[in-house]
């Protein structure tokens, strides 16, 4: 039983997938929180590019 528990603790299989999922969730939540700011910024950049 102890051997199985140790193997479970030190097994790193799938940890990279979890890291990617956490980073993706953080980025999506930040995009939702700062949505208006990001949209305003993108619109101002687009107007500067198109206006030239």
Protein backbone atom coordinates (compact mmCIF):
# COMPACT_ATOMS: atom_id res chain seq x y z
CA UNK A 1 0.00 0.00 0.00
CA UNK A 2 2.82 2.43 0.83
CA UNK A 3 4.60 1.63 -2.42
CA UNK A 4 1.47 2.40 -4.45
CA UNK A 5 1.02 5.69 -2.58
CA UNK A 6 4.66 6.69 -3.21
CA UNK A 7 4.35 5.86 -6.90
CA UNK A 8 1.19 7.96 -7.09
CA UNK A 9 2.85 10.96 -5.43
CA UNK A 10 5.96 10.89 -7.61
CA UNK A 11 4.13 10.17 -10.87
CA UNK A 12 4.32 13.27 -13.08
CA UNK A 13 2.32 11.92 -15.99
CA UNK A 14 -0.25 14.47 -17.08
CA UNK A 15 1.20 17.33 -15.04
CA UNK A 16 2.01 19.35 -18.16
CA UNK A 17 -1.59 19.11 -19.33
CA UNK A 18 -2.73 20.42 -15.96
CA UNK A 19 -0.29 23.33 -16.18
CA UNK A 20 -1.55 24.27 -19.64
CA UNK A 21 -5.16 24.06 -18.45
CA UNK A 22 -4.45 26.32 -15.46
CA UNK A 23 -2.61 28.91 -17.56
CA UNK A 24 -5.41 28.87 -20.13
CA UNK A 25 -8.03 29.36 -17.43
CA UNK A 26 -6.08 32.30 -15.98
CA UNK A 27 -5.72 33.94 -19.39
CA UNK A 28 -9.41 33.52 -20.17
CA UNK A 29 -10.44 34.94 -16.81
CA UNK A 30 -8.15 37.95 -17.30
CA UNK A 31 -9.58 38.50 -20.76
CA UNK A 32 -13.10 38.48 -19.32
CA UNK A 33 -12.21 40.85 -16.48
CA UNK A 34 -10.38 43.36 -18.70
CA UNK A 35 -12.59 42.92 -21.76
CA UNK A 36 -13.63 46.55 -22.12
CA UNK A 37 -10.09 47.84 -21.64
CA UNK A 38 -8.70 45.43 -24.22
CA UNK A 39 -11.44 46.28 -26.74
CA UNK A 40 -10.87 50.02 -26.32
CA UNK A 41 -7.13 49.56 -26.75
CA UNK A 42 -7.54 47.42 -29.87
CA UNK A 43 -9.99 49.90 -31.39
CA UNK A 44 -7.60 52.79 -30.82
CA UNK A 45 -4.73 50.87 -32.44
CA UNK A 46 -6.93 49.94 -35.40
CA UNK A 47 -8.01 53.56 -35.86
CA UNK A 48 -4.37 54.69 -35.84
CA UNK A 49 -3.41 52.09 -38.44
CA UNK A 50 -6.40 52.74 -40.71
CA UNK A 51 -6.14 56.50 -40.31
CA UNK A 52 -2.61 56.58 -41.75
